[in-house]
Amino acid sequence: MNLASPSSQNADHVLAKAALKAGNALGIGQAEVGRIIGRDRSTLQRYGVDPKSHNGELALLLVRCYRSLYALMDGDTELMQHWMHGHNHHTGGVPAEQMRSIVGLVRVCEYLDAIRGKV
């Protein structure tokens, strides 16, 4: 029996959907988004992810990276994907690969925030 309220269940699904859409726009597949967040792709789609959980915080970071890159690239998904999958000497690697670890995800997100002047 699921004791979560309907509004929290909705927030869980909204965050999961946002993370999956952000991943898609960044050229990151659903399975890889699941690995970044720490939840199986099918579990994400079925149950969502609680924004207050550890996995939820990682999902929020992924969405934050997407929003920063979207603003920097004027929404051009081709440029966003190119940036994500090309080597970046400022972050010290390929951002899409760096995001596989928590440290890398935070590093990429902080870099994008700094570039936007949002620190």
PDB file of N, CA and C in Angstrom:
ATOM      1  N   MET A   1       0.841  -1.175   0.000  1.00  0.00           N
ATOM      2  CA  MET A   1       0.000   0.000   0.000  1.00  0.00           C
ATOM      3  C   MET A   1       0.890   1.243   0.000  1.00  0.00           C
ATOM      4  N   ASN A   2       0.578   2.181  -0.858  1.00  0.00           N
ATOM      5  CA  ASN A   2       1.355   3.407  -0.974  1.00  0.00           C
ATOM      6  C   ASN A   2       0.716   4.475  -0.098  1.00  0.00           C
ATOM      7  N   LEU A   3       1.450   4.983   0.889  1.00  0.00           N
ATOM      8  CA  LEU A   3       0.918   5.962   1.822  1.00  0.00           C
ATOM      9  C   LEU A   3       1.190   7.399   1.399  1.00  0.00           C
ATOM     10  N   ALA A   4       1.827   7.602   0.288  1.00  0.00           N
ATOM     11  CA  ALA A   4       2.132   8.954  -0.188  1.00  0.00           C
ATOM     12  C   ALA A   4       0.854   9.643  -0.639  1.00  0.00           C
ATOM     13  N   SER A   5       0.788  10.941  -0.374  1.00  0.00           N
ATOM     14  CA  SER A   5      -0.394  11.698  -0.785  1.00  0.00           C
ATOM     15  C   SER A   5      -0.408  11.863  -2.302  1.00  0.00           C
ATOM     16  N   PRO A   6      -1.606  12.092  -2.869  1.00  0.00           N
ATOM     17  CA  PRO A   6      -1.690  12.265  -4.329  1.00  0.00           C
ATOM     18  C   PRO A   6      -0.817  13.408  -4.847  1.00  0.00           C
ATOM     19  N   SER A   7      -0.710  14.511  -4.070  1.00  0.00           N
ATOM     20  CA  SER A   7       0.101  15.633  -4.551  1.00  0.00           C
ATOM     21  C   SER A   7       1.589  15.283  -4.560  1.00  0.00           C
ATOM     22  N   SER A   8       2.050  14.491  -3.570  1.00  0.00           N
ATOM     23  CA  SER A   8       3.462  14.108  -3.577  1.00  0.00           C
ATOM     24  C   SER A   8       3.742  13.106  -4.688  1.00  0.00           C
ATOM     25  N   GLN A   9       2.765  12.230  -4.976  1.00  0.00           N
ATOM     26  CA  GLN A   9       2.920  11.301  -6.093  1.00  0.00           C
ATOM     27  C   GLN A   9       3.019  12.073  -7.399  1.00  0.00           C
ATOM     28  N   ASN A  10       2.222  13.128  -7.532  1.00  0.00           N
ATOM     29  CA  ASN A  10       2.262  13.950  -8.737  1.00  0.00           C
ATOM     30  C   ASN A  10       3.631  14.623  -8.871  1.00  0.00           C
ATOM     31  N   ALA A  11       4.152  15.165  -7.770  1.00  0.00           N
ATOM     32  CA  ALA A  11       5.470  15.807  -7.806  1.00  0.00           C
ATOM     33  C   ALA A  11       6.544  14.794  -8.195  1.00  0.00           C
ATOM     34  N   ASP A  12       6.410  13.570  -7.704  1.00  0.00           N
ATOM     35  CA  ASP A  12       7.364  12.511  -8.037  1.00  0.00           C
ATOM     36  C   ASP A  12       7.380  12.253  -9.540  1.00  0.00           C
ATOM     37  N   HIS A  13       6.193  12.166 -10.132  1.00  0.00           N
ATOM     38  CA  HIS A  13       6.096  11.888 -11.567  1.00  0.00           C
ATOM     39  C   HIS A  13       6.530  13.090 -12.408  1.00  0.00           C
ATOM     40  N   VAL A  14       6.215  14.294 -11.935  1.00  0.00           N
ATOM     41  CA  VAL A  14       6.618  15.499 -12.664  1.00  0.00           C
ATOM     42  C   VAL A  14       8.144  15.588 -12.721  1.00  0.00           C
ATOM     43  N   LEU A  15       8.806  15.324 -11.595  1.00  0.00           N
ATOM     44  CA  LEU A  15      10.267  15.393 -11.575  1.00  0.00           C
ATOM     45  C   LEU A  15      10.882  14.312 -12.461  1.00  0.00           C
ATOM     46  N   ALA A  16      10.344  13.111 -12.405  1.00  0.00           N
ATOM     47  CA  ALA A  16      10.870  12.030 -13.251  1.00  0.00           C
ATOM     48  C   ALA A  16      10.715  12.379 -14.724  1.00  0.00           C
ATOM     49  N   LYS A  17       9.551  12.903 -15.077  1.00  0.00           N
ATOM     50  CA  LYS A  17       9.300  13.277 -16.474  1.00  0.00           C
ATOM     51  C   LYS A  17      10.237  14.412 -16.904  1.00  0.00           C
ATOM     52  N   ALA A  18      10.436  15.391 -16.014  1.00  0.00           N
ATOM     53  CA  ALA A  18      11.332  16.511 -16.324  1.00  0.00           C
ATOM     54  C   ALA A  18      12.766  16.024 -16.517  1.00  0.00           C
ATOM     55  N   ALA A  19      13.211  15.113 -15.665  1.00  0.00           N
ATOM     56  CA  ALA A  19      14.576  14.586 -15.783  1.00  0.00           C
ATOM     57  C   ALA A  19      14.746  13.805 -17.081  1.00  0.00           C
ATOM     58  N   LEU A  20      13.757  12.998 -17.431  1.00  0.00           N
ATOM     59  CA  LEU A  20      13.840  12.222 -18.675  1.00  0.00           C
ATOM     60  C   LEU A  20      13.818  13.130 -19.903  1.00  0.00           C
ATOM     61  N   LYS A  21      12.980  14.176 -19.861  1.00  0.00           N
ATOM     62  CA  LYS A  21      12.935  15.121 -20.984  1.00  0.00           C
ATOM     63  C   LYS A  21      14.236  15.918 -21.078  1.00  0.00           C
ATOM     64  N   ALA A  22      14.782  16.307 -19.930  1.00  0.00           N
ATOM     65  CA  ALA A  22      16.057  17.029 -19.928  1.00  0.00           C
ATOM     66  C   ALA A  22      17.150  16.147 -20.521  1.00  0.00           C
ATOM     67  N   GLY A  23      17.180  14.901 -20.101  1.00  0.00           N
ATOM     68  CA  GLY A  23      18.163  13.966 -20.646  1.00  0.00           C
ATOM     69  C   GLY A  23      18.035  13.815 -22.146  1.00  0.00           C
ATOM     70  N   ASN A  24      16.813  13.698 -22.618  1.00  0.00           N
ATOM     71  CA  ASN A  24      16.569  13.568 -24.056  1.00  0.00           C
ATOM     72  C   ASN A  24      17.089  14.790 -24.807  1.00  0.00           C
ATOM     73  N   ALA A  25      16.801  15.974 -24.291  1.00  0.00           N
ATOM     74  CA  ALA A  25      17.254  17.202 -24.944  1.00  0.00           C
ATOM     75  C   ALA A  25      18.779  17.317 -24.934  1.00  0.00           C
ATOM     76  N   LEU A  26      19.405  16.723 -23.920  1.00  0.00           N
ATOM     77  CA  LEU A  26      20.863  16.782 -23.808  1.00  0.00           C
ATOM     78  C   LEU A  26      21.553  15.635 -24.535  1.00  0.00           C
ATOM     79  N   GLY A  27      20.761  14.778 -25.165  1.00  0.00           N
ATOM     80  CA  GLY A  27      21.330  13.650 -25.893  1.00  0.00           C
ATOM     81  C   GLY A  27      21.731  12.498 -24.988  1.00  0.00           C
ATOM     82  N   ILE A  28      21.080  12.413 -23.835  1.00  0.00           N
ATOM     83  CA  ILE A  28      21.350  11.347 -22.873  1.00  0.00           C
ATOM     84  C   ILE A  28      20.132  10.430 -22.856  1.00  0.00           C
ATOM     85  N   GLY A  29      20.337   9.151 -23.102  1.00  0.00           N
ATOM     86  CA  GLY A  29      19.239   8.194 -23.152  1.00  0.00           C
ATOM     87  C   GLY A  29      18.588   7.968 -21.794  1.00  0.00           C
ATOM     88  N   GLN A  30      17.397   7.370 -21.813  1.00  0.00           N
ATOM     89  CA  GLN A  30      16.648   7.133 -20.582  1.00  0.00           C
ATOM     90  C   GLN A  30      17.400   6.232 -19.611  1.00  0.00           C
ATOM     91  N   ALA A  31      18.052   5.211 -20.125  1.00  0.00           N
ATOM     92  CA  ALA A  31      18.809   4.310 -19.247  1.00  0.00           C
ATOM     93  C   ALA A  31      19.953   5.061 -18.567  1.00  0.00           C
ATOM     94  N   GLU A  32      20.608   5.944 -19.311  1.00  0.00           N
ATOM     95  CA  GLU A  32      21.712   6.728 -18.745  1.00  0.00           C
ATOM     96  C   GLU A  32      21.193   7.730 -17.721  1.00  0.00           C
ATOM     97  N   VAL A  33      20.035   8.346 -17.986  1.00  0.00           N
ATOM     98  CA  VAL A  33      19.420   9.247 -17.002  1.00  0.00           C
ATOM     99  C   VAL A  33      19.153   8.469 -15.718  1.00  0.00           C
ATOM    100  N   GLY A  34      18.641   7.263 -15.863  1.00  0.00           N
ATOM    101  CA  GLY A  34      18.402   6.418 -14.697  1.00  0.00           C
ATOM    102  C   GLY A  34      19.678   6.152 -13.916  1.00  0.00           C
ATOM    103  N   ARG A  35      20.785   5.900 -14.617  1.00  0.00           N
ATOM    104  CA  ARG A  35      22.073   5.666 -13.948  1.00  0.00           C
ATOM    105  C   ARG A  35      22.556   6.932 -13.238  1.00  0.00           C
ATOM    106  N   ILE A  36      22.376   8.086 -13.869  1.00  0.00           N
ATOM    107  CA  ILE A  36      22.796   9.352 -13.257  1.00  0.00           C
ATOM    108  C   ILE A  36      22.019   9.600 -11.972  1.00  0.00           C
ATOM    109  N   ILE A  37      20.718   9.356 -12.027  1.00  0.00           N
ATOM    110  CA  ILE A  37      19.846   9.606 -10.879  1.00  0.00           C
ATOM    111  C   ILE A  37      19.958   8.495  -9.837  1.00  0.00           C
ATOM    112  N   GLY A  38      20.328   7.312 -10.287  1.00  0.00           N
ATOM    113  CA  GLY A  38      20.443   6.192  -9.367  1.00  0.00           C
ATOM    114  C   GLY A  38      19.171   5.373  -9.240  1.00  0.00           C
ATOM    115  N   ARG A  39      18.329   5.436 -10.263  1.00  0.00           N
ATOM    116  CA  ARG A  39      17.099   4.648 -10.293  1.00  0.00           C
ATOM    117  C   ARG A  39      16.961   4.027 -11.669  1.00  0.00           C
ATOM    118  N   ASP A  40      16.406   2.847 -11.704  1.00  0.00           N
ATOM    119  CA  ASP A  40      16.163   2.164 -12.965  1.00  0.00           C
ATOM    120  C   ASP A  40      15.184   2.971 -13.819  1.00  0.00           C
ATOM    121  N   ARG A  41      15.402   2.958 -15.126  1.00  0.00           N
ATOM    122  CA  ARG A  41      14.555   3.717 -16.054  1.00  0.00           C
ATOM    123  C   ARG A  41      13.083   3.362 -15.890  1.00  0.00           C
ATOM    124  N   SER A  42      12.761   2.093 -15.811  1.00  0.00           N
ATOM    125  CA  SER A  42      11.355   1.692 -15.704  1.00  0.00           C
ATOM    126  C   SER A  42      10.770   2.093 -14.351  1.00  0.00           C
ATOM    127  N   THR A  43      11.567   2.049 -13.295  1.00  0.00           N
ATOM    128  CA  THR A  43      11.105   2.491 -11.978  1.00  0.00           C
ATOM    129  C   THR A  43      10.820   3.982 -12.007  1.00  0.00           C
ATOM    130  N   LEU A  44      11.683   4.725 -12.675  1.00  0.00           N
ATOM    131  CA  LEU A  44      11.467   6.167 -12.821  1.00  0.00           C
ATOM    132  C   LEU A  44      10.131   6.451 -13.486  1.00  0.00           C
ATOM    133  N   GLN A  45       9.863   5.747 -14.573  1.00  0.00           N
ATOM    134  CA  GLN A  45       8.630   5.986 -15.320  1.00  0.00           C
ATOM    135  C   GLN A  45       7.398   5.551 -14.534  1.00  0.00           C
ATOM    136  N   ARG A  46       7.497   4.445 -13.806  1.00  0.00           N
ATOM    137  CA  ARG A  46       6.343   3.929 -13.069  1.00  0.00           C
ATOM    138  C   ARG A  46       6.044   4.706 -11.801  1.00  0.00           C
ATOM    139  N   TYR A  47       7.085   4.959 -11.009  1.00  0.00           N
ATOM    140  CA  TYR A  47       6.878   5.517  -9.675  1.00  0.00           C
ATOM    141  C   TYR A  47       7.370   6.946  -9.512  1.00  0.00           C
ATOM    142  N   GLY A  48       8.121   7.448 -10.465  1.00  0.00           N
ATOM    143  CA  GLY A  48       8.657   8.789 -10.341  1.00  0.00           C
ATOM    144  C   GLY A  48       9.845   8.811  -9.391  1.00  0.00           C
ATOM    145  N   VAL A  49      10.171   9.990  -8.919  1.00  0.00           N
ATOM    146  CA  VAL A  49      11.275  10.143  -7.963  1.00  0.00           C
ATOM    147  C   VAL A  49      10.919  11.276  -7.000  1.00  0.00           C
ATOM    148  N   ASP A  50      11.005  10.996  -5.724  1.00  0.00           N
ATOM    149  CA  ASP A  50      10.670  11.970  -4.681  1.00  0.00           C
ATOM    150  C   ASP A  50      11.699  13.101  -4.701  1.00  0.00           C
ATOM    151  N   PRO A  51      11.249  14.350  -4.909  1.00  0.00           N
ATOM    152  CA  PRO A  51      12.187  15.482  -4.962  1.00  0.00           C
ATOM    153  C   PRO A  51      13.001  15.660  -3.681  1.00  0.00           C
ATOM    154  N   LYS A  52      12.499  15.133  -2.555  1.00  0.00           N
ATOM    155  CA  LYS A  52      13.193  15.295  -1.276  1.00  0.00           C
ATOM    156  C   LYS A  52      14.195  14.177  -1.005  1.00  0.00           C
ATOM    157  N   SER A  53      14.226  13.178  -1.861  1.00  0.00           N
ATOM    158  CA  SER A  53      15.142  12.049  -1.676  1.00  0.00           C
ATOM    159  C   SER A  53      16.503  12.359  -2.298  1.00  0.00           C
ATOM    160  N   HIS A  54      17.466  11.509  -1.990  1.00  0.00           N
ATOM    161  CA  HIS A  54      18.802  11.633  -2.593  1.00  0.00           C
ATOM    162  C   HIS A  54      18.704  11.565  -4.118  1.00  0.00           C
ATOM    163  N   ASN A  55      17.928  10.591  -4.617  1.00  0.00           N
ATOM    164  CA  ASN A  55      17.747  10.457  -6.065  1.00  0.00           C
ATOM    165  C   ASN A  55      17.052  11.688  -6.639  1.00  0.00           C
ATOM    166  N   GLY A  56      16.122  12.245  -5.885  1.00  0.00           N
ATOM    167  CA  GLY A  56      15.421  13.448  -6.323  1.00  0.00           C
ATOM    168  C   GLY A  56      16.352  14.639  -6.446  1.00  0.00           C
ATOM    169  N   GLU A  57      17.287  14.750  -5.511  1.00  0.00           N
ATOM    170  CA  GLU A  57      18.261  15.845  -5.581  1.00  0.00           C
ATOM    171  C   GLU A  57      19.129  15.720  -6.830  1.00  0.00           C
ATOM    172  N   LEU A  58      19.497  14.491  -7.169  1.00  0.00           N
ATOM    173  CA  LEU A  58      20.285  14.274  -8.387  1.00  0.00           C
ATOM    174  C   LEU A  58      19.467  14.613  -9.629  1.00  0.00           C
ATOM    175  N   ALA A  59      18.183  14.248  -9.612  1.00  0.00           N
ATOM    176  CA  ALA A  59      17.303  14.582 -10.736  1.00  0.00           C
ATOM    177  C   ALA A  59      17.173  16.097 -10.874  1.00  0.00           C
ATOM    178  N   LEU A  60      17.045  16.787  -9.749  1.00  0.00           N
ATOM    179  CA  LEU A  60      16.946  18.249  -9.785  1.00  0.00           C
ATOM    180  C   LEU A  60      18.229  18.877 -10.331  1.00  0.00           C
ATOM    181  N   LEU A  61      19.377  18.313  -9.987  1.00  0.00           N
ATOM    182  CA  LEU A  61      20.643  18.812 -10.537  1.00  0.00           C
ATOM    183  C   LEU A  61      20.703  18.625 -12.049  1.00  0.00           C
ATOM    184  N   LEU A  62      20.239  17.475 -12.522  1.00  0.00           N
ATOM    185  CA  LEU A  62      20.224  17.225 -13.965  1.00  0.00           C
ATOM    186  C   LEU A  62      19.328  18.236 -14.675  1.00  0.00           C
ATOM    187  N   VAL A  63      18.154  18.494 -14.110  1.00  0.00           N
ATOM    188  CA  VAL A  63      17.234  19.473 -14.701  1.00  0.00           C
ATOM    189  C   VAL A  63      17.857  20.868 -14.647  1.00  0.00           C
ATOM    190  N   ARG A  64      18.549  21.175 -13.559  1.00  0.00           N
ATOM    191  CA  ARG A  64      19.216  22.480 -13.444  1.00  0.00           C
ATOM    192  C   ARG A  64      20.293  22.643 -14.512  1.00  0.00           C
ATOM    193  N   CYS A  65      21.057  21.585 -14.763  1.00  0.00           N
ATOM    194  CA  CYS A  65      22.061  21.627 -15.840  1.00  0.00           C
ATOM    195  C   CYS A  65      21.392  21.888 -17.183  1.00  0.00           C
ATOM    196  N   TYR A  66      20.293  21.186 -17.418  1.00  0.00           N
ATOM    197  CA  TYR A  66      19.555  21.374 -18.669  1.00  0.00           C
ATOM    198  C   TYR A  66      19.101  22.823 -18.804  1.00  0.00           C
ATOM    199  N   ARG A  67      18.506  23.375 -17.759  1.00  0.00           N
ATOM    200  CA  ARG A  67      17.987  24.756 -17.826  1.00  0.00           C
ATOM    201  C   ARG A  67      19.107  25.763 -18.076  1.00  0.00           C
ATOM    202  N   SER A  68      20.239  25.568 -17.431  1.00  0.00           N
ATOM    203  CA  SER A  68      21.376  26.470 -17.646  1.00  0.00           C
ATOM    204  C   SER A  68      21.876  26.387 -19.079  1.00  0.00           C
ATOM    205  N   LEU A  69      22.036  25.172 -19.568  1.00  0.00           N
ATOM    206  CA  LEU A  69      22.529  24.988 -20.936  1.00  0.00           C
ATOM    207  C   LEU A  69      21.511  25.497 -21.953  1.00  0.00           C
ATOM    208  N   TYR A  70      20.229  25.306 -21.667  1.00  0.00           N
ATOM    209  CA  TYR A  70      19.162  25.804 -22.536  1.00  0.00           C
ATOM    210  C   TYR A  70      19.271  27.326 -22.662  1.00  0.00           C
ATOM    211  N   ALA A  71      19.479  27.998 -21.534  1.00  0.00           N
ATOM    212  CA  ALA A  71      19.599  29.463 -21.545  1.00  0.00           C
ATOM    213  C   ALA A  71      20.857  29.905 -22.294  1.00  0.00           C
ATOM    214  N   LEU A  72      21.956  29.202 -22.084  1.00  0.00           N
ATOM    215  CA  LEU A  72      23.213  29.570 -22.747  1.00  0.00           C
ATOM    216  C   LEU A  72      23.173  29.350 -24.254  1.00  0.00           C
ATOM    217  N   MET A  73      22.458  28.332 -24.691  1.00  0.00           N
ATOM    218  CA  MET A  73      22.425  27.960 -26.111  1.00  0.00           C
ATOM    219  C   MET A  73      21.139  28.409 -26.809  1.00  0.00           C
ATOM    220  N   ASP A  74      20.372  29.260 -26.158  1.00  0.00           N
ATOM    221  CA  ASP A  74      19.101  29.748 -26.712  1.00  0.00           C
ATOM    222  C   ASP A  74      18.186  28.610 -27.151  1.00  0.00           C
ATOM    223  N   GLY A  75      18.228  27.517 -26.419  1.00  0.00           N
ATOM    224  CA  GLY A  75      17.328  26.404 -26.694  1.00  0.00           C
ATOM    225  C   GLY A  75      17.698  25.541 -27.884  1.00  0.00           C
ATOM    226  N   ASP A  76      18.857  25.754 -28.471  1.00  0.00           N
ATOM    227  CA  ASP A  76      19.283  24.968 -29.632  1.00  0.00           C
ATOM    228  C   ASP A  76      19.764  23.595 -29.154  1.00  0.00           C
ATOM    229  N   THR A  77      18.919  22.578 -29.304  1.00  0.00           N
ATOM    230  CA  THR A  77      19.254  21.249 -28.782  1.00  0.00           C
ATOM    231  C   THR A  77      20.476  20.646 -29.474  1.00  0.00           C
ATOM    232  N   GLU A  78      20.683  20.985 -30.724  1.00  0.00           N
ATOM    233  CA  GLU A  78      21.862  20.466 -31.427  1.00  0.00           C
ATOM    234  C   GLU A  78      23.142  20.987 -30.768  1.00  0.00           C
ATOM    235  N   LEU A  79      23.170  22.280 -30.450  1.00  0.00           N
ATOM    236  CA  LEU A  79      24.335  22.857 -29.767  1.00  0.00           C
ATOM    237  C   LEU A  79      24.477  22.300 -28.352  1.00  0.00           C
ATOM    238  N   MET A  80      23.340  22.121 -27.677  1.00  0.00           N
ATOM    239  CA  MET A  80      23.363  21.581 -26.319  1.00  0.00           C
ATOM    240  C   MET A  80      23.972  20.176 -26.313  1.00  0.00           C
ATOM    241  N   GLN A  81      23.545  19.355 -27.259  1.00  0.00           N
ATOM    242  CA  GLN A  81      24.055  17.985 -27.341  1.00  0.00           C
ATOM    243  C   GLN A  81      25.530  17.973 -27.733  1.00  0.00           C
ATOM    244  N   HIS A  82      25.912  18.876 -28.618  1.00  0.00           N
ATOM    245  CA  HIS A  82      27.324  18.981 -29.005  1.00  0.00           C
ATOM    246  C   HIS A  82      28.175  19.327 -27.784  1.00  0.00           C
ATOM    247  N   TRP A  83      27.719  20.286 -26.983  1.00  0.00           N
ATOM    248  CA  TRP A  83      28.454  20.687 -25.787  1.00  0.00           C
ATOM    249  C   TRP A  83      28.539  19.522 -24.801  1.00  0.00           C
ATOM    250  N   MET A  84      27.449  18.807 -24.632  1.00  0.00           N
ATOM    251  CA  MET A  84      27.402  17.701 -23.668  1.00  0.00           C
ATOM    252  C   MET A  84      28.335  16.553 -24.045  1.00  0.00           C
ATOM    253  N   HIS A  85      28.513  16.309 -25.332  1.00  0.00           N
ATOM    254  CA  HIS A  85      29.256  15.129 -25.776  1.00  0.00           C
ATOM    255  C   HIS A  85      30.651  15.443 -26.316  1.00  0.00           C
ATOM    256  N   GLY A  86      31.043  16.705 -26.240  1.00  0.00           N
ATOM    257  CA  GLY A  86      32.392  17.084 -26.647  1.00  0.00           C
ATOM    258  C   GLY A  86      33.264  17.307 -25.418  1.00  0.00           C
ATOM    259  N   HIS A  87      34.571  17.173 -25.598  1.00  0.00           N
ATOM    260  CA  HIS A  87      35.490  17.395 -24.472  1.00  0.00           C
ATOM    261  C   HIS A  87      35.462  18.869 -24.086  1.00  0.00           C
ATOM    262  N   ASN A  88      35.423  19.130 -22.793  1.00  0.00           N
ATOM    263  CA  ASN A  88      35.412  20.492 -22.282  1.00  0.00           C
ATOM    264  C   ASN A  88      36.596  20.644 -21.327  1.00  0.00           C
ATOM    265  N   HIS A  89      37.551  21.480 -21.693  1.00  0.00           N
ATOM    266  CA  HIS A  89      38.736  21.601 -20.842  1.00  0.00           C
ATOM    267  C   HIS A  89      38.437  22.326 -19.530  1.00  0.00           C
ATOM    268  N   HIS A  90      37.347  23.096 -19.464  1.00  0.00           N
ATOM    269  CA  HIS A  90      36.983  23.780 -18.217  1.00  0.00           C
ATOM    270  C   HIS A  90      36.456  22.801 -17.170  1.00  0.00           C
ATOM    271  N   THR A  91      35.702  21.807 -17.608  1.00  0.00           N
ATOM    272  CA  THR A  91      35.176  20.816 -16.664  1.00  0.00           C
ATOM    273  C   THR A  91      36.120  19.625 -16.529  1.00  0.00           C
ATOM    274  N   GLY A  92      37.071  19.518 -17.426  1.00  0.00           N
ATOM    275  CA  GLY A  92      38.057  18.453 -17.355  1.00  0.00           C
ATOM    276  C   GLY A  92      37.616  17.132 -17.952  1.00  0.00           C
ATOM    277  N   GLY A  93      36.684  17.185 -18.900  1.00  0.00           N
ATOM    278  CA  GLY A  93      36.235  15.943 -19.534  1.00  0.00           C
ATOM    279  C   GLY A  93      35.025  16.171 -20.409  1.00  0.00           C
ATOM    280  N   VAL A  94      34.352  15.097 -20.732  1.00  0.00           N
ATOM    281  CA  VAL A  94      33.120  15.151 -21.523  1.00  0.00           C
ATOM    282  C   VAL A  94      31.962  15.248 -20.526  1.00  0.00           C
ATOM    283  N   PRO A  95      31.208  16.353 -20.527  1.00  0.00           N
ATOM    284  CA  PRO A  95      30.159  16.539 -19.530  1.00  0.00           C
ATOM    285  C   PRO A  95      29.181  15.365 -19.396  1.00  0.00           C
ATOM    286  N   ALA A  96      28.752  14.782 -20.499  1.00  0.00           N
ATOM    287  CA  ALA A  96      27.807  13.660 -20.420  1.00  0.00           C
ATOM    288  C   ALA A  96      28.417  12.477 -19.672  1.00  0.00           C
ATOM    289  N   GLU A  97      29.715  12.279 -19.807  1.00  0.00           N
ATOM    290  CA  GLU A  97      30.397  11.200 -19.087  1.00  0.00           C
ATOM    291  C   GLU A  97      30.649  11.583 -17.635  1.00  0.00           C
ATOM    292  N   GLN A  98      30.979  12.845 -17.404  1.00  0.00           N
ATOM    293  CA  GLN A  98      31.240  13.301 -16.042  1.00  0.00           C
ATOM    294  C   GLN A  98      30.000  13.195 -15.165  1.00  0.00           C
ATOM    295  N   MET A  99      28.830  13.375 -15.769  1.00  0.00           N
ATOM    296  CA  MET A  99      27.580  13.344 -15.011  1.00  0.00           C
ATOM    297  C   MET A  99      27.260  11.963 -14.446  1.00  0.00           C
ATOM    298  N   ARG A 100      28.019  10.956 -14.828  1.00  0.00           N
ATOM    299  CA  ARG A 100      27.783   9.603 -14.309  1.00  0.00           C
ATOM    300  C   ARG A 100      28.152   9.493 -12.838  1.00  0.00           C
ATOM    301  N   SER A 101      28.943  10.441 -12.345  1.00  0.00           N
ATOM    302  CA  SER A 101      29.272  10.459 -10.912  1.00  0.00           C
ATOM    303  C   SER A 101      28.650  11.707 -10.290  1.00  0.00           C
ATOM    304  N   ILE A 102      28.406  11.641  -9.005  1.00  0.00           N
ATOM    305  CA  ILE A 102      27.807  12.782  -8.313  1.00  0.00           C
ATOM    306  C   ILE A 102      28.741  13.982  -8.383  1.00  0.00           C
ATOM    307  N   VAL A 103      30.024  13.756  -8.160  1.00  0.00           N
ATOM    308  CA  VAL A 103      31.006  14.845  -8.213  1.00  0.00           C
ATOM    309  C   VAL A 103      31.009  15.485  -9.598  1.00  0.00           C
ATOM    310  N   GLY A 104      30.969  14.673 -10.633  1.00  0.00           N
ATOM    311  CA  GLY A 104      30.953  15.191 -11.997  1.00  0.00           C
ATOM    312  C   GLY A 104      29.684  15.959 -12.309  1.00  0.00           C
ATOM    313  N   LEU A 105      28.542  15.449 -11.856  1.00  0.00           N
ATOM    314  CA  LEU A 105      27.263  16.136 -12.075  1.00  0.00           C
ATOM    315  C   LEU A 105      27.283  17.505 -11.416  1.00  0.00           C
ATOM    316  N   VAL A 106      27.768  17.562 -10.184  1.00  0.00           N
ATOM    317  CA  VAL A 106      27.857  18.840  -9.465  1.00  0.00           C
ATOM    318  C   VAL A 106      28.848  19.769 -10.164  1.00  0.00           C
ATOM    319  N   ARG A 107      29.982  19.243 -10.609  1.00  0.00           N
ATOM    320  CA  ARG A 107      30.995  20.064 -11.285  1.00  0.00           C
ATOM    321  C   ARG A 107      30.421  20.703 -12.558  1.00  0.00           C
ATOM    322  N   VAL A 108      29.738  19.904 -13.363  1.00  0.00           N
ATOM    323  CA  VAL A 108      29.149  20.421 -14.605  1.00  0.00           C
ATOM    324  C   VAL A 108      28.091  21.473 -14.284  1.00  0.00           C
ATOM    325  N   CYS A 109      27.263  21.192 -13.298  1.00  0.00           N
ATOM    326  CA  CYS A 109      26.198  22.126 -12.925  1.00  0.00           C
ATOM    327  C   CYS A 109      26.782  23.448 -12.407  1.00  0.00           C
ATOM    328  N   GLU A 110      27.788  23.363 -11.558  1.00  0.00           N
ATOM    329  CA  GLU A 110      28.428  24.577 -11.036  1.00  0.00           C
ATOM    330  C   GLU A 110      29.108  25.368 -12.148  1.00  0.00           C
ATOM    331  N   TYR A 111      29.728  24.677 -13.086  1.00  0.00           N
ATOM    332  CA  TYR A 111      30.364  25.351 -14.212  1.00  0.00           C
ATOM    333  C   TYR A 111      29.321  26.120 -15.025  1.00  0.00           C
ATOM    334  N   LEU A 112      28.208  25.459 -15.337  1.00  0.00           N
ATOM    335  CA  LEU A 112      27.161  26.116 -16.123  1.00  0.00           C
ATOM    336  C   LEU A 112      26.570  27.304 -15.369  1.00  0.00           C
ATOM    337  N   ASP A 113      26.380  27.161 -14.059  1.00  0.00           N
ATOM    338  CA  ASP A 113      25.884  28.279 -13.253  1.00  0.00           C
ATOM    339  C   ASP A 113      26.867  29.444 -13.286  1.00  0.00           C
ATOM    340  N   ALA A 114      28.160  29.144 -13.193  1.00  0.00           N
ATOM    341  CA  ALA A 114      29.176  30.198 -13.205  1.00  0.00           C
ATOM    342  C   ALA A 114      29.207  30.912 -14.551  1.00  0.00           C
ATOM    343  N   ILE A 115      29.099  30.156 -15.631  1.00  0.00           N
ATOM    344  CA  ILE A 115      29.097  30.752 -16.969  1.00  0.00           C
ATOM    345  C   ILE A 115      27.895  31.673 -17.142  1.00  0.00           C
ATOM    346  N   ARG A 116      26.771  31.268 -16.579  1.00  0.00           N
ATOM    347  CA  ARG A 116      25.566  32.103 -16.660  1.00  0.00           C
ATOM    348  C   ARG A 116      25.634  33.291 -15.713  1.00  0.00           C
ATOM    349  N   GLY A 117      26.598  33.303 -14.801  1.00  0.00           N
ATOM    350  CA  GLY A 117      26.697  34.384 -13.830  1.00  0.00           C
ATOM    351  C   GLY A 117      25.704  34.233 -12.707  1.00  0.00           C
ATOM    352  N   LYS A 118      25.366  32.991 -12.382  1.00  0.00           N
ATOM    353  CA  LYS A 118      24.319  32.715 -11.412  1.00  0.00           C
ATOM    354  C   LYS A 118      24.881  32.267 -10.070  1.00  0.00           C
ATOM    355  N   VAL A 119      26.156  32.489  -9.828  1.00  0.00           N
ATOM    356  CA  VAL A 119      26.791  31.986  -8.602  1.00  0.00           C
ATOM    357  C   VAL A 119      26.371  32.788  -7.405  1.00  0.00           C
TER     358      VAL A 119
END
